[in-house]
Amino acid sequence: MTEPAEPNAAVRTDAFLGGRLHLRQPVRGHRAGTDALLLAAAGPQGFAGRAADLGAGIGVVGLAFALRERGCRMSLVEVEPGLCRLAAENARANGLAERVEVIEADVLASGKGRREAGLAADAFDLVLTNPPFDDAGRGRPSPDPARRLAHLSAAGDLEAWFGTAAVLLRPKGRFIAILRADGLSRALSALGPAFGGVTVLPIHPRDGVPATRILLRAVRASRAPLAIAPGLVLHAADGAFVPRVEAMHRGDAALAW
């Protein structure tokens, strides 16, 4: 099904979590998939409090997590107005509007800009984020503006992104991100002194293949040491998701790590 979301744009309604969640998202540009569902599954079980999904897009991470955790009050933070409209529509369509708000804001804005948009310091117990993966100038940029916005970051952007998360979190608040595996060194540096208790979970496409993604968990103002969790393998030899990951895709299981 396609219909115009705004002039010259088309959206389609896709089912996630085994049909528990139906989301309208653009036909072209960055589209939600496995990374988003893994990030939502990585959120803490039994969570009750305020959470933010930074760079939320159409809201799949935050909405999937809020659907699972009924004690969650979620803020979907997105800079692109068209995606904000879709995120708000998705929250309403899935019966989550009472616990989910959409904040149109630039994660990389100044502190004053964030506050004016409604993002207060020390306001959240949890931040989930699928931040821009790639360094600007590395690789070939997509011709699609939305995909470029989702995947390219200038020097210093990741550090600023993580810095915003630290400001928004209360002390001992939790931060969880999904990133490219080859960005681990930069990600650990970007966490800076604001975070501790860092856990890295490598994500492997198949058994015996190097990780291509990592889940990164950290705690604001913690002094706990770094830990490496056992890796997560996504696909069996036949290309199908392994049962554990398939259960996460259906929304039947969270990621215990």
Protein backbone atom coordinates (compact mmCIF):
# COMPACT_ATOMS: atom_id res chain seq x y z
CA MET A 1 0.00 0.00 0.00
CA THR A 2 1.42 3.39 -0.93
CA GLU A 3 -0.01 6.85 -0.41
CA PRO A 4 1.51 10.32 -0.34
CA ALA A 5 2.86 11.47 3.03
CA GLU A 6 3.76 14.87 1.66
CA PRO A 7 4.29 16.27 -1.85
CA ASN A 8 6.49 14.00 -3.99
CA ALA A 9 6.80 11.42 -1.21
CA ALA A 10 5.22 8.00 -0.74
CA VAL A 11 4.78 5.90 2.36
CA ARG A 12 3.92 2.29 2.97
CA THR A 13 2.51 0.55 6.03
CA ASP A 14 4.76 -2.29 7.19
CA ALA A 15 4.17 -4.85 9.93
CA PHE A 16 6.75 -5.41 12.68
CA LEU A 17 6.91 -7.70 15.71
CA GLY A 18 4.83 -10.40 14.12
CA GLY A 19 2.08 -7.94 13.24
CA ARG A 20 1.84 -6.38 16.71
CA LEU A 21 3.14 -3.09 15.37
CA HIS A 22 2.09 -1.45 12.07
CA LEU A 23 4.20 1.50 10.99
CA ARG A 24 3.98 3.91 8.09
CA GLN A 25 7.40 4.68 6.67
CA PRO A 26 8.74 6.23 3.46
CA VAL A 27 9.09 3.92 0.49
CA ARG A 28 12.45 5.53 -0.34
CA GLY A 29 15.31 6.56 1.91
CA HIS A 30 16.34 5.07 5.23
CA ARG A 31 13.96 2.26 6.25
CA ALA A 32 13.65 0.48 9.57
CA GLY A 33 14.82 -3.13 9.79
CA THR A 34 16.83 -5.55 11.89
CA ASP A 35 19.08 -2.95 13.53
CA ALA A 36 16.06 -1.12 14.95
CA LEU A 37 14.42 -4.27 16.25
CA LEU A 38 17.66 -5.48 17.88
CA LEU A 39 18.05 -2.12 19.60
CA ALA A 40 14.49 -2.25 20.92
CA ALA A 41 15.03 -5.82 22.10
CA ALA A 42 18.22 -4.74 23.89
CA GLY A 43 16.32 -2.38 26.17
CA PRO A 44 15.95 -3.44 29.81
CA GLN A 45 13.12 -5.78 30.76
CA GLY A 46 10.69 -4.57 33.41
CA PHE A 47 11.55 -0.95 32.66
CA ALA A 48 9.40 1.76 34.21
CA GLY A 49 10.31 5.41 33.70
CA ARG A 50 11.09 7.96 31.02
CA ALA A 51 12.96 6.90 27.89
CA ALA A 52 14.10 8.72 24.77
CA ASP A 53 14.77 7.41 21.28
CA LEU A 54 17.30 9.82 19.78
CA GLY A 55 17.14 10.09 15.99
CA ALA A 56 13.85 8.20 16.11
CA GLY A 57 12.84 8.47 12.45
CA ILE A 58 9.35 7.00 12.11
CA GLY A 59 9.61 5.69 15.68
CA VAL A 60 10.18 1.96 15.30
CA VAL A 61 12.71 1.59 18.14
CA GLY A 62 10.85 3.66 20.69
CA LEU A 63 7.43 2.31 19.76
CA ALA A 64 8.58 -1.31 19.81
CA PHE A 65 10.14 -0.80 23.23
CA ALA A 66 7.10 1.06 24.60
CA LEU A 67 4.82 -1.68 23.29
CA ARG A 68 6.82 -4.28 25.24
CA GLU A 69 7.36 -2.23 28.41
CA ARG A 70 4.03 -0.89 29.62
CA GLY A 71 5.65 1.21 32.33
CA CYS A 72 7.64 3.20 29.76
CA ARG A 73 6.92 6.81 28.87
CA MET A 74 8.73 7.36 25.57
CA SER A 75 9.95 10.51 23.81
CA LEU A 76 10.69 10.08 20.09
CA VAL A 77 13.28 12.72 19.17
CA GLU A 78 13.62 13.46 15.46
CA VAL A 79 14.79 16.50 13.47
CA GLU A 80 12.99 15.89 10.14
CA PRO A 81 9.42 17.26 10.23
CA GLY A 82 7.97 14.70 7.83
CA LEU A 83 9.32 11.81 9.91
CA CYS A 84 7.99 13.46 13.07
CA ARG A 85 4.51 13.49 11.53
CA LEU A 86 4.78 9.82 10.64
CA ALA A 87 6.08 8.97 14.12
CA ALA A 88 3.10 10.73 15.72
CA GLU A 89 0.70 8.94 13.38
CA ASN A 90 2.35 5.62 14.20
CA ALA A 91 2.02 6.21 17.94
CA ARG A 92 -1.70 6.94 17.55
CA ALA A 93 -2.34 4.06 15.15
CA ASN A 94 -0.79 1.57 17.56
CA GLY A 95 -2.61 2.81 20.65
CA LEU A 96 0.53 4.27 22.24
CA ALA A 97 -0.15 8.01 22.03
CA GLU A 98 -0.89 8.31 25.76
CA ARG A 99 2.62 7.11 26.65
CA VAL A 100 4.57 8.31 23.61
CA GLU A 101 5.36 11.88 22.61
CA VAL A 102 7.20 13.15 19.53
CA ILE A 103 9.75 15.94 19.97
CA GLU A 104 10.98 17.71 16.85
CA ALA A 105 14.56 18.54 17.80
CA ASP A 106 18.13 18.32 16.55
CA VAL A 107 20.16 16.01 18.80
CA LEU A 108 23.25 18.04 17.88
CA ALA A 109 21.69 21.41 18.77
CA SER A 110 23.06 23.60 21.55
CA GLY A 111 21.84 23.15 25.08
CA LYS A 112 19.57 26.17 24.69
CA GLY A 113 18.16 24.77 21.45
CA ARG A 114 17.44 21.40 23.05
CA ARG A 115 15.76 22.99 26.05
CA GLU A 116 13.57 25.15 23.82
CA ALA A 117 12.52 22.02 21.93
CA GLY A 118 11.47 20.35 25.18
CA LEU A 119 14.54 18.25 26.02
CA ALA A 120 15.50 18.93 29.62
CA ALA A 121 18.71 17.83 31.29
CA ASP A 122 18.58 14.89 33.72
CA ALA A 123 15.07 14.05 32.51
CA PHE A 124 15.43 10.46 31.29
CA ASP A 125 16.14 7.06 32.80
CA LEU A 126 17.02 5.45 29.45
CA VAL A 127 18.27 6.60 26.06
CA LEU A 128 18.09 4.34 23.01
CA THR A 129 19.73 5.42 19.77
CA ASN A 130 20.69 4.25 16.32
CA PRO A 131 22.98 7.20 15.52
CA PRO A 132 24.49 8.16 12.17
CA PHE A 133 26.95 5.36 11.36
CA ASP A 134 29.37 6.72 8.81
CA ASP A 135 32.03 9.40 8.69
CA ALA A 136 31.36 12.06 6.09
CA GLY A 137 33.75 11.57 3.20
CA ARG A 138 34.08 7.83 3.79
CA GLY A 139 32.46 5.73 1.14
CA ARG A 140 30.00 6.86 -1.49
CA PRO A 141 27.11 8.98 -0.18
CA SER A 142 23.59 7.98 -1.13
CA PRO A 143 21.82 10.23 -3.67
CA ASP A 144 18.75 10.13 -1.43
CA PRO A 145 18.74 13.06 1.07
CA ALA A 146 16.91 11.13 3.80
CA ARG A 147 19.35 8.22 3.60
CA ARG A 148 22.31 10.63 3.70
CA LEU A 149 20.88 12.29 6.82
CA ALA A 150 20.45 8.92 8.51
CA HIS A 151 23.92 7.57 7.70
CA LEU A 152 26.45 10.37 7.44
CA SER A 153 28.09 12.26 10.28
CA ALA A 154 30.76 14.93 10.24
CA ALA A 155 33.83 14.79 12.46
CA GLY A 156 32.78 15.21 16.07
CA ASP A 157 29.11 14.42 15.52
CA LEU A 158 29.16 11.08 17.32
CA GLU A 159 30.89 12.65 20.30
CA ALA A 160 28.27 15.41 20.37
CA TRP A 161 25.46 12.85 19.95
CA PHE A 162 26.69 10.81 22.91
CA GLY A 163 27.25 14.02 24.84
CA THR A 164 23.61 14.97 24.37
CA ALA A 165 22.59 11.54 25.68
CA ALA A 166 24.73 12.10 28.79
CA VAL A 167 23.09 15.47 29.43
CA LEU A 168 19.58 14.08 29.05
CA LEU A 169 20.14 11.08 31.33
CA ARG A 170 19.81 11.14 35.07
CA PRO A 171 22.81 9.83 37.04
CA LYS A 172 22.81 6.01 36.73
CA GLY A 173 20.56 6.33 33.69
CA ARG A 174 21.21 3.77 30.96
CA PHE A 175 22.36 4.39 27.39
CA ILE A 176 22.08 1.79 24.61
CA ALA A 177 23.19 2.26 21.01
CA ILE A 178 23.66 0.11 17.93
CA LEU A 179 26.64 0.94 15.72
CA ARG A 180 28.96 -0.43 13.07
CA ALA A 181 31.51 -2.80 14.56
CA ASP A 182 34.39 -0.92 12.93
CA GLY A 183 33.31 2.19 14.85
CA LEU A 184 33.94 0.62 18.26
CA SER A 185 37.10 2.57 19.04
CA ARG A 186 35.46 5.88 18.16
CA ALA A 187 32.32 4.97 20.10
CA LEU A 188 34.27 4.13 23.26
CA SER A 189 36.12 7.42 22.96
CA ALA A 190 32.84 9.29 22.38
CA LEU A 191 31.40 7.97 25.64
CA GLY A 192 34.05 9.99 27.44
CA PRO A 193 34.15 10.38 31.22
CA ALA A 194 30.36 10.78 31.50
CA PHE A 195 29.75 7.03 31.17
CA GLY A 196 31.01 3.84 32.76
CA GLY A 197 29.78 0.30 33.15
CA VAL A 198 30.21 -0.15 29.40
CA THR A 199 29.18 -3.47 27.86
CA VAL A 200 29.88 -4.31 24.21
CA LEU A 201 27.89 -7.04 22.46
CA PRO A 202 29.24 -8.03 19.00
CA ILE A 203 26.64 -8.93 16.37
CA HIS A 204 27.74 -11.46 13.73
CA PRO A 205 25.86 -12.04 10.46
CA ARG A 206 26.71 -15.77 10.64
CA ASP A 207 28.73 -18.06 12.86
CA GLY A 208 32.46 -17.76 12.19
CA VAL A 209 32.12 -14.37 10.46
CA PRO A 210 33.46 -11.12 11.97
CA ALA A 211 30.94 -8.86 13.68
CA THR A 212 29.47 -6.12 11.52
CA ARG A 213 27.44 -4.39 14.25
CA ILE A 214 27.79 -3.86 17.98
CA LEU A 215 25.33 -3.08 20.72
CA LEU A 216 26.83 -0.69 23.23
CA ARG A 217 25.40 -0.25 26.73
CA ALA A 218 26.66 2.26 29.28
CA VAL A 219 25.59 3.87 32.55
CA ARG A 220 25.90 7.56 33.27
CA ALA A 221 28.23 8.35 36.18
CA SER A 222 29.21 4.72 36.71
CA ARG A 223 32.75 3.58 37.49
CA ALA A 224 32.19 -0.08 36.63
CA PRO A 225 34.73 -1.61 34.20
CA LEU A 226 34.30 -2.46 30.54
CA ALA A 227 32.80 -5.85 29.70
CA ILE A 228 32.49 -7.79 26.44
CA ALA A 229 29.29 -9.85 26.20
CA PRO A 230 29.06 -13.12 24.23
CA GLY A 231 28.41 -12.39 20.58
CA LEU A 232 24.99 -12.64 18.95
CA VAL A 233 24.78 -14.59 15.66
CA LEU A 234 21.91 -13.49 13.41
CA HIS A 235 21.65 -16.10 10.65
CA ALA A 236 21.94 -19.87 10.38
CA ALA A 237 23.81 -21.51 7.50
CA ASP A 238 20.64 -21.51 5.37
CA GLY A 239 20.28 -17.73 5.74
CA ALA A 240 17.27 -17.83 8.07
CA PHE A 241 17.36 -16.02 11.38
CA VAL A 242 18.43 -18.24 14.27
CA PRO A 243 15.51 -18.99 16.64
CA ARG A 244 16.65 -16.48 19.27
CA VAL A 245 16.76 -13.62 16.76
CA GLU A 246 13.55 -14.71 15.05
CA ALA A 247 11.82 -14.52 18.45
CA MET A 248 13.09 -10.94 18.85
CA HIS A 249 11.76 -10.07 15.40
CA ARG A 250 8.34 -11.40 16.41
CA GLY A 251 8.45 -9.49 19.67
CA ASP A 252 8.37 -12.71 21.68
CA ALA A 253 11.74 -12.23 23.36
CA ALA A 254 14.00 -9.50 24.68
CA LEU A 255 17.79 -9.59 24.49
CA ALA A 256 19.23 -10.74 27.80
CA TRP A 257 22.79 -9.40 28.06
